[in-house]
C-alpha atoms as a PDB file:
ATOM      1  CA  MET A   1       0.000   0.000   0.000  1.00  0.00           C
ATOM      2  CA  ASP A   2       1.108   3.579  -0.554  1.00  0.00           C
ATOM      3  CA  ARG A   3       0.965   6.205   2.202  1.00  0.00           C
ATOM      4  CA  LYS A   4      -2.568   7.427   1.420  1.00  0.00           C
ATOM      5  CA  GLU A   5      -3.962   3.899   1.314  1.00  0.00           C
ATOM      6  CA  SER A   6      -2.265   3.042   4.596  1.00  0.00           C
ATOM      7  CA  GLU A   7      -3.721   6.119   6.298  1.00  0.00           C
ATOM      8  CA  VAL A   8      -7.275   5.133   5.324  1.00  0.00           C
ATOM      9  CA  TYR A   9      -6.749   1.436   6.036  1.00  0.00           C
ATOM     10  CA  LEU A  10      -5.610   2.177   9.589  1.00  0.00           C
ATOM     11  CA  ARG A  11      -9.013   3.787  10.212  1.00  0.00           C
ATOM     12  CA  LEU A  12     -10.871   0.621   9.180  1.00  0.00           C
ATOM     13  CA  ASP A  13     -12.054  -2.219  11.371  1.00  0.00           C
ATOM     14  CA  PRO A  14     -10.625  -5.388   9.755  1.00  0.00           C
ATOM     15  CA  ALA A  15     -13.350  -7.456  11.442  1.00  0.00           C
ATOM     16  CA  ARG A  16     -16.105  -5.545   9.611  1.00  0.00           C
ATOM     17  CA  LEU A  17     -14.861  -5.563   6.044  1.00  0.00           C
ATOM     18  CA  PRO A  18     -17.509  -6.259   3.378  1.00  0.00           C
ATOM     19  CA  LYS A  19     -17.630  -9.872   2.236  1.00  0.00           C
ATOM     20  CA  HIS A  20     -18.546  -8.836  -1.296  1.00  0.00           C
ATOM     21  CA  ILE A  21     -18.114  -5.475  -3.040  1.00  0.00           C
ATOM     22  CA  ALA A  22     -19.717  -4.697  -6.394  1.00  0.00           C
ATOM     23  CA  ILE A  23     -18.551  -1.732  -8.484  1.00  0.00           C
ATOM     24  CA  ILE A  24     -20.300   0.067 -11.331  1.00  0.00           C
ATOM     25  CA  MET A  25     -17.346   1.473 -13.257  1.00  0.00           C
ATOM     26  CA  ASP A  26     -18.605   4.684 -14.853  1.00  0.00           C
ATOM     27  CA  GLY A  27     -17.118   7.848 -16.295  1.00  0.00           C
ATOM     28  CA  ASN A  28     -14.596   6.696 -18.897  1.00  0.00           C
ATOM     29  CA  GLY A  29     -16.195   8.754 -21.655  1.00  0.00           C
ATOM     30  CA  ARG A  30     -16.422  11.921 -19.559  1.00  0.00           C
ATOM     31  CA  TRP A  31     -12.821  11.486 -18.413  1.00  0.00           C
ATOM     32  CA  ALA A  32     -11.690  11.385 -22.051  1.00  0.00           C
ATOM     33  CA  ARG A  33     -13.968  14.225 -23.155  1.00  0.00           C
ATOM     34  CA  ARG A  34     -12.611  16.564 -20.468  1.00  0.00           C
ATOM     35  CA  ARG A  35      -9.154  15.931 -21.879  1.00  0.00           C
ATOM     36  CA  HIS A  36     -10.293  16.354 -25.503  1.00  0.00           C
ATOM     37  CA  MET A  37      -9.453  12.730 -26.197  1.00  0.00           C
ATOM     38  CA  PRO A  38     -11.490   9.974 -27.908  1.00  0.00           C
ATOM     39  CA  ARG A  39     -13.744   7.840 -25.685  1.00  0.00           C
ATOM     40  CA  VAL A  40     -11.544   4.804 -26.152  1.00  0.00           C
ATOM     41  CA  ALA A  41      -8.740   6.654 -24.332  1.00  0.00           C
ATOM     42  CA  GLY A  42     -10.946   6.655 -21.243  1.00  0.00           C
ATOM     43  CA  HIS A  43     -11.506   2.924 -21.517  1.00  0.00           C
ATOM     44  CA  ARG A  44      -7.776   2.348 -21.895  1.00  0.00           C
ATOM     45  CA  ALA A  45      -7.033   4.528 -18.857  1.00  0.00           C
ATOM     46  CA  GLY A  46      -9.629   2.606 -16.847  1.00  0.00           C
ATOM     47  CA  VAL A  47      -7.520  -0.562 -16.976  1.00  0.00           C
ATOM     48  CA  ALA A  48      -5.087   0.942 -14.455  1.00  0.00           C
ATOM     49  CA  SER A  49      -8.030   1.623 -12.147  1.00  0.00           C
ATOM     50  CA  VAL A  50      -9.117  -2.008 -12.388  1.00  0.00           C
ATOM     51  CA  ARG A  51      -5.604  -3.180 -11.540  1.00  0.00           C
ATOM     52  CA  SER A  52      -5.237  -0.886  -8.517  1.00  0.00           C
ATOM     53  CA  THR A  53      -8.721  -1.622  -7.174  1.00  0.00           C
ATOM     54  CA  VAL A  54      -8.448  -5.391  -7.605  1.00  0.00           C
ATOM     55  CA  GLU A  55      -5.019  -5.610  -5.976  1.00  0.00           C
ATOM     56  CA  THR A  56      -6.017  -3.422  -3.030  1.00  0.00           C
ATOM     57  CA  ALA A  57      -9.186  -5.444  -2.417  1.00  0.00           C
ATOM     58  CA  ALA A  58      -7.231  -8.698  -2.510  1.00  0.00           C
ATOM     59  CA  ARG A  59      -4.488  -7.435  -0.210  1.00  0.00           C
ATOM     60  CA  ILE A  60      -6.862  -6.336   2.551  1.00  0.00           C
ATOM     61  CA  GLY A  61      -8.774  -9.626   2.428  1.00  0.00           C
ATOM     62  CA  ILE A  62     -12.046  -8.844   0.623  1.00  0.00           C
ATOM     63  CA  PRO A  63     -13.450 -12.297  -0.282  1.00  0.00           C
ATOM     64  CA  ALA A  64     -15.321 -11.234  -3.445  1.00  0.00           C
ATOM     65  CA  LEU A  65     -15.214  -8.293  -5.863  1.00  0.00           C
ATOM     66  CA  THR A  66     -17.545  -7.935  -8.855  1.00  0.00           C
ATOM     67  CA  LEU A  67     -16.917  -5.351 -11.582  1.00  0.00           C
ATOM     68  CA  TYR A  68     -19.607  -4.245 -14.044  1.00  0.00           C
ATOM     69  CA  ALA A  69     -17.440  -4.282 -17.155  1.00  0.00           C
ATOM     70  CA  PHE A  70     -19.842  -4.523 -20.110  1.00  0.00           C
ATOM     71  CA  SER A  71     -23.633  -4.436 -20.074  1.00  0.00           C
ATOM     72  CA  GLU A  72     -26.003  -6.180 -22.443  1.00  0.00           C
ATOM     73  CA  GLU A  73     -27.275  -2.731 -23.414  1.00  0.00           C
ATOM     74  CA  ASN A  74     -23.798  -1.649 -24.528  1.00  0.00           C
ATOM     75  CA  TRP A  75     -24.221  -3.745 -27.687  1.00  0.00           C
ATOM     76  CA  LYS A  76     -27.212  -1.650 -28.710  1.00  0.00           C
ATOM     77  CA  LYS A  77     -26.242   1.837 -27.556  1.00  0.00           C
ATOM     78  CA  ARG A  78     -22.504   2.118 -28.288  1.00  0.00           C
ATOM     79  CA  PRO A  79     -20.885   2.622 -31.715  1.00  0.00           C
ATOM     80  CA  ARG A  80     -19.640  -0.618 -33.241  1.00  0.00           C
ATOM     81  CA  SER A  81     -16.085   0.715 -33.308  1.00  0.00           C
ATOM     82  CA  GLU A  82     -16.187   1.336 -29.554  1.00  0.00           C
ATOM     83  CA  VAL A  83     -17.623  -2.113 -28.829  1.00  0.00           C
ATOM     84  CA  ASP A  84     -14.931  -3.749 -30.955  1.00  0.00           C
ATOM     85  CA  PHE A  85     -12.271  -1.769 -29.079  1.00  0.00           C
ATOM     86  CA  LEU A  86     -13.719  -2.880 -25.736  1.00  0.00           C
ATOM     87  CA  MET A  87     -13.586  -6.514 -26.819  1.00  0.00           C
ATOM     88  CA  ARG A  88      -9.936  -6.142 -27.868  1.00  0.00           C
ATOM     89  CA  LEU A  89      -9.147  -4.345 -24.613  1.00  0.00           C
ATOM     90  CA  LEU A  90     -10.784  -7.143 -22.619  1.00  0.00           C
ATOM     91  CA  CYS A  91      -8.729  -9.795 -24.409  1.00  0.00           C
ATOM     92  CA  ARG A  92      -5.541  -7.835 -23.788  1.00  0.00           C
ATOM     93  CA  TYR A  93      -6.421  -7.375 -20.118  1.00  0.00           C
ATOM     94  CA  LEU A  94      -7.038 -11.090 -19.673  1.00  0.00           C
ATOM     95  CA  LYS A  95      -3.697 -11.980 -21.264  1.00  0.00           C
ATOM     96  CA  VAL A  96      -1.620  -9.386 -19.420  1.00  0.00           C
ATOM     97  CA  GLU A  97      -3.188  -9.661 -15.974  1.00  0.00           C
ATOM     98  CA  ILE A  98      -3.065 -13.431 -15.435  1.00  0.00           C
ATOM     99  CA  LYS A  99       0.376 -13.180 -13.824  1.00  0.00           C
ATOM    100  CA  ARG A 100      -0.791 -10.451 -11.412  1.00  0.00           C
ATOM    101  CA  LEU A 101      -3.955 -12.354 -10.564  1.00  0.00           C
ATOM    102  CA  ASN A 102      -1.952 -15.457  -9.726  1.00  0.00           C
ATOM    103  CA  GLU A 103       0.583 -13.464  -7.703  1.00  0.00           C
ATOM    104  CA  ASN A 104      -2.313 -12.114  -5.631  1.00  0.00           C
ATOM    105  CA  ASN A 105      -4.034 -15.536  -5.360  1.00  0.00           C
ATOM    106  CA  ILE A 106      -7.131 -14.207  -7.169  1.00  0.00           C
ATOM    107  CA  ARG A 107      -9.609 -16.515  -8.905  1.00  0.00           C
ATOM    108  CA  LEU A 108     -11.348 -15.124 -11.987  1.00  0.00           C
ATOM    109  CA  GLU A 109     -15.032 -15.726 -12.778  1.00  0.00           C
ATOM    110  CA  TYR A 110     -17.663 -14.205 -15.066  1.00  0.00           C
ATOM    111  CA  ILE A 111     -21.379 -13.481 -15.050  1.00  0.00           C
ATOM    112  CA  GLY A 112     -23.605 -12.535 -17.963  1.00  0.00           C
ATOM    113  CA  ARG A 113     -24.656 -14.074 -21.253  1.00  0.00           C
ATOM    114  CA  LYS A 114     -21.109 -15.045 -22.137  1.00  0.00           C
ATOM    115  CA  GLN A 115     -22.273 -17.284 -24.978  1.00  0.00           C
ATOM    116  CA  GLU A 116     -23.283 -14.188 -26.984  1.00  0.00           C
ATOM    117  CA  LEU A 117     -19.769 -12.726 -26.979  1.00  0.00           C
ATOM    118  CA  PRO A 118     -17.439 -13.308 -29.952  1.00  0.00           C
ATOM    119  CA  GLU A 119     -15.921 -16.792 -29.905  1.00  0.00           C
ATOM    120  CA  SER A 120     -12.391 -15.392 -29.791  1.00  0.00           C
ATOM    121  CA  VAL A 121     -13.296 -13.436 -26.653  1.00  0.00           C
ATOM    122  CA  GLN A 122     -14.910 -16.502 -25.076  1.00  0.00           C
ATOM    123  CA  ARG A 123     -11.702 -18.472 -25.648  1.00  0.00           C
ATOM    124  CA  GLU A 124      -9.591 -15.812 -23.934  1.00  0.00           C
ATOM    125  CA  MET A 125     -12.051 -15.735 -21.041  1.00  0.00           C
ATOM    126  CA  GLU A 126     -11.907 -19.487 -20.552  1.00  0.00           C
ATOM    127  CA  GLU A 127      -8.125 -19.578 -20.757  1.00  0.00           C
ATOM    128  CA  ALA A 128      -7.821 -16.841 -18.133  1.00  0.00           C
ATOM    129  CA  ARG A 129     -10.311 -18.535 -15.839  1.00  0.00           C
ATOM    130  CA  ASP A 130      -8.563 -21.878 -16.183  1.00  0.00           C
ATOM    131  CA  ALA A 131      -5.218 -20.223 -15.430  1.00  0.00           C
ATOM    132  CA  THR A 132      -6.520 -18.900 -12.103  1.00  0.00           C
ATOM    133  CA  CYS A 133      -8.903 -21.697 -11.089  1.00  0.00           C
ATOM    134  CA  ALA A 134      -6.552 -23.125  -8.444  1.00  0.00           C
ATOM    135  CA  ASN A 135      -6.252 -19.841  -6.556  1.00  0.00           C
ATOM    136  CA  THR A 136      -7.886 -19.727  -3.145  1.00  0.00           C
ATOM    137  CA  GLY A 137      -8.043 -16.000  -2.402  1.00  0.00           C
ATOM    138  CA  MET A 138     -10.442 -13.315  -3.571  1.00  0.00           C
ATOM    139  CA  VAL A 139     -12.956 -14.145  -6.288  1.00  0.00           C
ATOM    140  CA  LEU A 140     -12.878 -11.469  -8.991  1.00  0.00           C
ATOM    141  CA  THR A 141     -16.038 -11.597 -11.096  1.00  0.00           C
ATOM    142  CA  LEU A 142     -16.333  -9.641 -14.340  1.00  0.00           C
ATOM    143  CA  ALA A 143     -19.898  -8.880 -15.428  1.00  0.00           C
ATOM    144  CA  LEU A 144     -19.729  -9.155 -19.220  1.00  0.00           C
ATOM    145  CA  ASN A 145     -22.714  -8.831 -21.537  1.00  0.00           C
ATOM    146  CA  TYR A 146     -24.610  -8.610 -18.272  1.00  0.00           C
ATOM    147  CA  SER A 147     -28.175  -7.471 -17.561  1.00  0.00           C
ATOM    148  CA  ALA A 148     -29.881  -8.014 -14.212  1.00  0.00           C
ATOM    149  CA  ARG A 149     -33.272  -8.411 -15.866  1.00  0.00           C
ATOM    150  CA  SER A 150     -31.856 -10.983 -18.275  1.00  0.00           C
ATOM    151  CA  GLU A 151     -30.297 -12.776 -15.314  1.00  0.00           C
ATOM    152  CA  ILE A 152     -33.677 -13.035 -13.614  1.00  0.00           C
ATOM    153  CA  VAL A 153     -35.280 -14.237 -16.878  1.00  0.00           C
ATOM    154  CA  ASP A 154     -32.570 -16.888 -17.203  1.00  0.00           C
ATOM    155  CA  ALA A 155     -33.110 -17.912 -13.586  1.00  0.00           C
ATOM    156  CA  PHE A 156     -36.813 -18.461 -14.145  1.00  0.00           C
ATOM    157  CA  ARG A 157     -36.136 -20.399 -17.336  1.00  0.00           C
ATOM    158  CA  SER A 158     -33.793 -22.617 -15.339  1.00  0.00           C
ATOM    159  CA  LEU A 159     -36.456 -23.021 -12.655  1.00  0.00           C
ATOM    160  CA  ALA A 160     -39.070 -23.997 -15.241  1.00  0.00           C
ATOM    161  CA  GLU A 161     -36.716 -26.558 -16.766  1.00  0.00           C
ATOM    162  CA  ALA A 162     -36.014 -27.992 -13.316  1.00  0.00           C
ATOM    163  CA  ALA A 163     -39.756 -28.186 -12.631  1.00  0.00           C
ATOM    164  CA  ALA A 164     -40.349 -30.031 -15.915  1.00  0.00           C
ATOM    165  CA  ARG A 165     -37.751 -32.609 -14.910  1.00  0.00           C
ATOM    166  CA  ASN A 166     -39.279 -33.072 -11.462  1.00  0.00           C
ATOM    167  CA  GLY A 167     -42.987 -33.636 -12.000  1.00  0.00           C
ATOM    168  CA  GLY A 168     -44.180 -30.196 -13.101  1.00  0.00           C
ATOM    169  CA  LEU A 169     -44.983 -26.936 -11.329  1.00  0.00           C
ATOM    170  CA  GLY A 170     -47.472 -28.596  -8.995  1.00  0.00           C
ATOM    171  CA  HIS A 171     -44.592 -30.236  -7.145  1.00  0.00           C
ATOM    172  CA  PHE A 172     -42.312 -27.207  -7.250  1.00  0.00           C
ATOM    173  CA  GLN A 173     -41.953 -24.955  -4.187  1.00  0.00           C
ATOM    174  CA  VAL A 174     -40.430 -21.600  -5.122  1.00  0.00           C
ATOM    175  CA  ASP A 175     -38.893 -19.352  -2.471  1.00  0.00           C
ATOM    176  CA  GLU A 176     -36.194 -16.678  -2.346  1.00  0.00           C
ATOM    177  CA  GLN A 177     -33.400 -19.153  -1.731  1.00  0.00           C
ATOM    178  CA  LEU A 178     -34.390 -21.281  -4.711  1.00  0.00           C
ATOM    179  CA  ILE A 179     -34.356 -18.238  -6.985  1.00  0.00           C
ATOM    180  CA  SER A 180     -30.956 -17.178  -5.606  1.00  0.00           C
ATOM    181  CA  ASP A 181     -29.675 -20.683  -6.322  1.00  0.00           C
ATOM    182  CA  HIS A 182     -30.477 -20.208 -10.030  1.00  0.00           C
ATOM    183  CA  LEU A 183     -28.883 -16.774 -10.476  1.00  0.00           C
ATOM    184  CA  TYR A 184     -25.500 -16.262 -12.122  1.00  0.00           C
ATOM    185  CA  THR A 185     -24.092 -15.324  -8.698  1.00  0.00           C
ATOM    186  CA  ARG A 186     -25.203 -18.472  -6.875  1.00  0.00           C
ATOM    187  CA  HIS A 187     -21.582 -19.174  -5.912  1.00  0.00           C
ATOM    188  CA  LEU A 188     -21.223 -15.750  -4.232  1.00  0.00           C
ATOM    189  CA  PRO A 189     -22.709 -14.026  -1.172  1.00  0.00           C
ATOM    190  CA  ASP A 190     -24.912 -11.038  -1.939  1.00  0.00           C
ATOM    191  CA  PRO A 191     -22.887  -7.792  -2.057  1.00  0.00           C
ATOM    192  CA  ASP A 192     -22.654  -5.809   1.176  1.00  0.00           C
ATOM    193  CA  LEU A 193     -21.481  -2.673  -0.632  1.00  0.00           C
ATOM    194  CA  VAL A 194     -22.031  -1.342  -4.144  1.00  0.00           C
ATOM    195  CA  ILE A 195     -19.844   1.517  -5.342  1.00  0.00           C
ATOM    196  CA  ARG A 196     -20.714   3.720  -8.305  1.00  0.00           C
ATOM    197  CA  THR A 197     -18.212   6.139  -9.759  1.00  0.00           C
ATOM    198  CA  SER A 198     -18.842   9.414 -11.646  1.00  0.00           C
ATOM    199  CA  GLY A 199     -21.673  10.608  -9.392  1.00  0.00           C
ATOM    200  CA  GLU A 200     -24.570   8.935 -11.176  1.00  0.00           C
ATOM    201  CA  MET A 201     -27.392   7.883  -8.828  1.00  0.00           C
ATOM    202  CA  ARG A 202     -28.695   4.691 -10.415  1.00  0.00           C
ATOM    203  CA  LEU A 203     -27.994   0.961 -10.517  1.00  0.00           C
ATOM    204  CA  SER A 204     -28.129   0.663 -14.326  1.00  0.00           C
ATOM    205  CA  ASN A 205     -29.646  -2.833 -14.371  1.00  0.00           C
ATOM    206  CA  PHE A 206     -26.865  -4.294 -12.215  1.00  0.00           C
ATOM    207  CA  LEU A 207     -27.457  -7.114  -9.704  1.00  0.00           C
ATOM    208  CA  LEU A 208     -30.994  -5.919  -8.953  1.00  0.00           C
ATOM    209  CA  TRP A 209     -31.918  -9.017  -6.925  1.00  0.00           C
ATOM    210  CA  GLN A 210     -28.611  -9.289  -5.080  1.00  0.00           C
ATOM    211  CA  LEU A 211     -28.352  -5.617  -4.071  1.00  0.00           C
ATOM    212  CA  ALA A 212     -31.619  -5.612  -2.114  1.00  0.00           C
ATOM    213  CA  TYR A 213     -29.837  -4.854   1.190  1.00  0.00           C
ATOM    214  CA  ALA A 214     -26.492  -3.530  -0.047  1.00  0.00           C
ATOM    215  CA  GLU A 215     -25.135  -0.197   1.121  1.00  0.00           C
ATOM    216  CA  ILE A 216     -24.760   2.224  -1.806  1.00  0.00           C
ATOM    217  CA  TYR A 217     -21.720   4.484  -2.029  1.00  0.00           C
ATOM    218  CA  VAL A 218     -21.524   7.036  -4.853  1.00  0.00           C
ATOM    219  CA  THR A 219     -18.340   8.963  -5.549  1.00  0.00           C
ATOM    220  CA  GLN A 220     -17.873  11.854  -7.980  1.00  0.00           C
ATOM    221  CA  THR A 221     -14.541  10.332  -9.020  1.00  0.00           C
ATOM    222  CA  LEU A 222     -14.537   9.205 -12.647  1.00  0.00           C
ATOM    223  CA  TRP A 223     -13.496   5.582 -13.084  1.00  0.00           C
ATOM    224  CA  PRO A 224     -10.073   6.260 -14.704  1.00  0.00           C
ATOM    225  CA  ASP A 225      -9.147   8.317 -11.611  1.00  0.00           C
ATOM    226  CA  PHE A 226     -10.373   5.674  -9.146  1.00  0.00           C
ATOM    227  CA  ARG A 227      -7.666   3.825  -7.232  1.00  0.00           C
ATOM    228  CA  GLY A 228      -7.240   1.636  -4.192  1.00  0.00           C
ATOM    229  CA  VAL A 229      -7.451   4.614  -1.834  1.00  0.00           C
ATOM    230  CA  GLN A 230     -10.928   5.483  -3.163  1.00  0.00           C
ATOM    231  CA  LEU A 231     -11.988   1.876  -2.598  1.00  0.00           C
ATOM    232  CA  LEU A 232     -10.809   2.111   1.011  1.00  0.00           C
ATOM    233  CA  GLU A 233     -12.692   5.393   1.451  1.00  0.00           C
ATOM    234  CA  GLY A 234     -15.847   3.648   0.243  1.00  0.00           C
ATOM    235  CA  ILE A 235     -15.294   0.874   2.782  1.00  0.00           C
ATOM    236  CA  GLU A 236     -14.735   3.481   5.497  1.00  0.00           C
ATOM    237  CA  GLU A 237     -18.092   5.071   4.649  1.00  0.00           C
ATOM    238  CA  TYR A 238     -19.694   1.599   4.661  1.00  0.00           C
ATOM    239  CA  GLN A 239     -18.361   0.914   8.150  1.00  0.00           C
ATOM    240  CA  SER A 240     -19.794   4.206   9.423  1.00  0.00           C
ATOM    241  CA  ARG A 241     -23.349   3.096   8.627  1.00  0.00           C
ATOM    242  CA  GLU A 242     -25.779   0.986  10.629  1.00  0.00           C
ATOM    243  CA  ARG A 243     -27.214  -1.835   8.553  1.00  0.00           C
ATOM    244  CA  ARG A 244     -30.801  -2.355   9.719  1.00  0.00           C
ATOM    245  CA  TYR A 245     -32.166  -4.908   7.224  1.00  0.00           C
ATOM    246  CA  GLY A 246     -35.659  -3.505   7.693  1.00  0.00           C
ATOM    247  CA  GLY A 247     -35.383  -3.400  11.489  1.00  0.00           C
ATOM    248  CA  LEU A 248     -35.183  -0.496  13.923  1.00  0.00           C
ATOM    249  CA  GLY A 249     -31.460  -0.517  14.502  1.00  0.00           C
ATOM    250  CA  LYS A 250     -29.636   0.007  17.777  1.00  0.00           C
ATOM    251  CA  ASP A 251     -31.419   3.131  19.005  1.00  0.00           C
ATOM    252  CA  PRO A 252     -32.499   2.142  22.565  1.00  0.00           C
ATOM    253  CA  GLY A 253     -35.478   4.466  22.300  1.00  0.00           C
ATOM    254  CA  HIS A 254     -36.935   2.493  19.427  1.00  0.00           C
ATOM    255  CA  ALA A 255     -35.517  -1.021  19.390  1.00  0.00           C
ATOM    256  CA  PRO A 256     -37.594  -3.705  21.140  1.00  0.00           C
ATOM    257  CA  GLU A 257     -36.083  -4.870  24.428  1.00  0.00           C
ATOM    258  CA  HIS A 258     -35.787  -8.456  23.162  1.00  0.00           C
ATOM    259  CA  ALA A 259     -34.133  -7.503  19.853  1.00  0.00           C
ATOM    260  CA  THR A 260     -30.490  -8.251  20.492  1.00  0.00           C
ATOM    261  CA  SER A 261     -29.548  -9.577  17.060  1.00  0.00           C
ATOM    262  CA  ARG A 262     -30.901 -10.117  13.536  1.00  0.00           C
ATOM    263  CA  PRO A 263     -32.419 -13.456  12.588  1.00  0.00           C
ATOM    264  CA  HIS A 264     -29.978 -15.746  10.849  1.00  0.00           C
ATOM    265  CA  ALA A 265     -31.828 -15.528   7.531  1.00  0.00           C
ATOM    266  CA  GLU A 266     -31.643 -11.728   7.581  1.00  0.00           C
ATOM    267  CA  ALA A 267     -27.997 -11.714   8.560  1.00  0.00           C
ATOM    268  CA  LYS A 268     -27.189 -13.727   5.446  1.00  0.00           C
ATOM    269  CA  ARG A 269     -28.626 -11.107   3.148  1.00  0.00           C
END
């Protein structure tokens, strides 16, 4: 860690670090525009932010980090030249960063409709995942061609297929846990903290089911300027909040006398 990161880290409680942080990386285009540069320059600059953020999260012991890298909507709303550049940039990132990921004991995973990406990109993704599959530290998940609504649609399709194999809907009991078990993120805990850069106040179709009880931290920092110290500042803000999960919190004037802890099911969320 550098001096600034160390100063913020010393203010944190290591026992209360988030188990899973999700980040909406936003602001690449504005960063480039303010410098009178093409949009792709912002995307290129954002790679350094990914590297710094991922390494800092791994070093302080965050179990899971998910980055919103490319949305399903990007195919429809971005120029083809920009999309093609993003695909090339992703492939380059996967090739170059494998060594760093392994050095930091980071395992790479993906969520999204990966099968719709170009085959060459899918091959690079699989090779990078295979190269890190033995690592036992932080799980880094890249959301690629991702849409939360599509994820929920895919989950219900999977549920319907499971019902058809097991006697039909009449024998199928659907609850929250069952739905969670069919989401792309079934191998991960729900995020405790979601960070959005560039000051925008929306979730942009990202992890809508999983973020039900997440703390939201919005920073004005544009993604290419975001570094490990900004991640630590977001965690510091997270630790300053009281997570109530729909309850009354710790205020003795309002909390019921018998309410000493959250139910186990709520604590998991």
